[in-house]
Every structure is written in C-alpha cells, then in structure tokens.
C-alpha cells in the first residue's frame, strides 16, 4: 500500500516536498516513480528512482527543478519540487514497480498510491 502526501497550494516559484510512504518489508526491492495527471490530460511520467536510490530518471519538463529520493529505512520516497510553475498543477501519484531498471511507462508499475493535489498559482 502506498500513501502519498504533501500536496497543497503554492505560488509560482515556490517549493513543495511530496512524500510517499509504503507498507511492507520489501520496499528496497521496488523501483519507485512519480507521475502526475492534470485535468483533461493523460497521466504523465515525472521521475523514477531505483531500489537502492543510486540512479534516477526525470521527465524533460521537470529536469533541474525536481529531485526524487528515497529512504529505505523509512519505506518512503520523496519528490522535492522547486521553481514550481502553473503548468505543474496536477494530481501527483506515487507508484512502485518490481521491474528492474528505470521505468518511465505507467503500465509497468504494479502498485499506485491515491494521489495528492498540487496547485501552483500564477
């Protein structure tokens, strides 16, 4: 089970940190990802991190502004979002995949959290 939190309302240029807490004892066996879905749009890849936390991959629109990290001792993955823009407004979902490598394709994820809403005002 995945529980996302940390969303909210922020002004353009501001920052937020999302958290996703996972239950279970095999958290480090899963790659973790963040996706987002804006109103009327498809769910889109944001970032992913491998099980050990050693490698990451980002979507083009967030490179240099967002940072994904994980704390396997706490079974938690984070998404630090800086320099936020109105186009970052979306529901953000965390997800877990048992597949090896850095996965940017949503259907390759096995488990999903409930989503947390991020709204960036202009």
Protein backbone atom coordinates (compact mmCIF):
# COMPACT_ATOMS: atom_id res chain seq x y z
CA UNK A 1 0.00 0.00 0.00
CA UNK A 2 1.26 3.46 -0.93
CA UNK A 3 0.19 6.69 0.78
CA UNK A 4 1.10 9.99 -0.87
CA UNK A 5 1.08 13.29 0.99
CA UNK A 6 2.48 16.80 0.90
CA UNK A 7 0.42 18.41 -1.82
CA UNK A 8 -1.08 21.86 -1.47
CA UNK A 9 -1.34 25.34 -2.89
CA UNK A 10 1.86 27.22 -3.68
CA UNK A 11 2.74 30.32 -5.66
CA UNK A 12 4.78 30.30 -8.84
CA UNK A 13 8.44 29.87 -7.98
CA UNK A 14 7.69 28.15 -4.71
CA UNK A 15 8.60 24.70 -3.46
CA UNK A 16 6.85 21.63 -2.12
CA UNK A 17 8.04 18.23 -1.00
CA UNK A 18 5.84 15.23 -1.62
CA UNK A 19 6.19 12.04 0.37
CA UNK A 20 5.01 8.53 -0.35
CA UNK A 21 5.02 6.03 2.47
CA UNK A 22 4.94 2.34 1.64
CA UNK A 23 3.89 -0.57 3.77
CA UNK A 24 5.67 -3.90 3.66
CA UNK A 25 9.17 -5.19 4.24
CA UNK A 26 10.46 -5.34 0.67
CA UNK A 27 10.43 -1.63 -0.17
CA UNK A 28 14.03 -1.60 -1.38
CA UNK A 29 13.15 -4.27 -3.94
CA UNK A 30 10.91 -1.88 -5.81
CA UNK A 31 11.67 0.93 -8.15
CA UNK A 32 9.56 3.94 -7.26
CA UNK A 33 8.09 6.55 -9.53
CA UNK A 34 6.09 9.73 -9.51
CA UNK A 35 3.52 10.52 -12.16
CA UNK A 36 1.10 13.41 -12.48
CA UNK A 37 -2.24 13.99 -14.09
CA UNK A 38 -3.55 17.43 -14.96
CA UNK A 39 -7.25 17.98 -15.65
CA UNK A 40 -8.20 16.61 -19.06
CA UNK A 41 -4.76 15.12 -19.68
CA UNK A 42 -3.15 11.71 -19.57
CA UNK A 43 -1.17 10.61 -16.55
CA UNK A 44 2.43 11.58 -17.29
CA UNK A 45 5.81 10.43 -16.05
CA UNK A 46 7.64 12.76 -13.66
CA UNK A 47 10.54 10.86 -12.11
CA UNK A 48 11.72 7.45 -11.03
CA UNK A 49 14.39 6.02 -8.74
CA UNK A 50 15.81 2.52 -8.49
CA UNK A 51 15.57 0.32 -5.42
CA UNK A 52 18.88 1.34 -3.88
CA UNK A 53 18.36 5.02 -4.64
CA UNK A 54 21.51 5.17 -6.71
CA UNK A 55 20.05 6.09 -10.07
CA UNK A 56 17.24 8.37 -11.15
CA UNK A 57 15.44 9.46 -14.30
CA UNK A 58 13.33 12.57 -14.90
CA UNK A 59 10.79 13.77 -17.38
CA UNK A 60 12.01 16.60 -19.58
CA UNK A 61 9.60 19.13 -18.14
CA UNK A 62 10.91 18.76 -14.57
CA UNK A 63 14.63 18.22 -15.10
CA UNK A 64 16.69 20.58 -12.98
CA UNK A 65 13.69 21.56 -10.84
CA UNK A 66 12.51 18.32 -9.21
CA UNK A 67 14.51 15.78 -7.26
CA UNK A 68 13.39 12.26 -6.40
CA UNK A 69 14.94 10.49 -3.43
CA UNK A 70 14.15 7.63 -1.10
CA UNK A 71 14.83 6.49 2.45
CA UNK A 72 14.61 2.73 2.53
CA UNK A 73 14.86 2.68 6.33
CA UNK A 74 11.62 4.67 6.44
CA UNK A 75 9.97 2.99 3.44
CA UNK A 76 9.44 6.42 1.93
CA UNK A 77 10.09 8.08 -1.41
CA UNK A 78 10.17 11.84 -1.81
CA UNK A 79 9.73 14.34 -4.59
CA UNK A 80 11.28 17.73 -3.92
CA UNK A 81 9.73 20.25 -6.28
CA UNK A 82 11.39 23.64 -6.71
CA UNK A 83 10.74 26.58 -9.03
CA UNK A 84 7.16 25.47 -9.44
CA UNK A 85 5.16 26.69 -12.43
CA UNK A 86 1.40 26.82 -13.03
CA UNK A 87 1.80 24.01 -15.55
CA UNK A 88 2.98 21.76 -12.71
CA UNK A 89 -0.56 21.84 -11.32
CA UNK A 90 -1.81 18.26 -11.20
CA UNK A 91 -2.63 15.32 -9.01
CA UNK A 92 0.65 13.60 -8.24
CA UNK A 93 0.75 9.83 -7.83
CA UNK A 94 3.48 7.62 -6.49
CA UNK A 95 3.89 4.11 -7.82
CA UNK A 96 6.00 1.01 -7.30
CA UNK A 97 7.41 -1.37 -9.88
CA UNK A 98 9.03 -4.77 -9.42
CA UNK A 99 10.77 -4.47 -12.80
CA UNK A 100 14.48 -3.80 -13.00
CA UNK A 101 15.81 -0.58 -14.43
CA UNK A 102 14.38 2.92 -14.52
CA UNK A 103 10.79 2.66 -15.68
CA UNK A 104 9.01 5.66 -17.19
CA UNK A 105 5.98 3.80 -18.54
CA UNK A 106 2.96 3.84 -16.26
CA UNK A 107 1.53 0.44 -17.19
CA UNK A 108 4.75 -1.19 -15.98
CA UNK A 109 4.04 -0.14 -12.40
CA UNK A 110 2.39 -2.65 -10.09
CA UNK A 111 1.06 -0.52 -7.25
CA UNK A 112 -0.27 3.02 -7.05
CA UNK A 113 -0.95 5.50 -4.29
CA UNK A 114 -4.12 7.56 -4.06
CA UNK A 115 -2.65 10.84 -5.35
CA UNK A 116 -2.05 14.23 -3.81
CA UNK A 117 -3.10 17.51 -5.40
CA UNK A 118 -0.55 20.20 -6.18
CA UNK A 119 -1.85 23.59 -7.26
CA UNK A 120 0.53 26.31 -8.42
CA UNK A 121 -0.99 29.77 -8.62
CA UNK A 122 0.27 32.39 -11.04
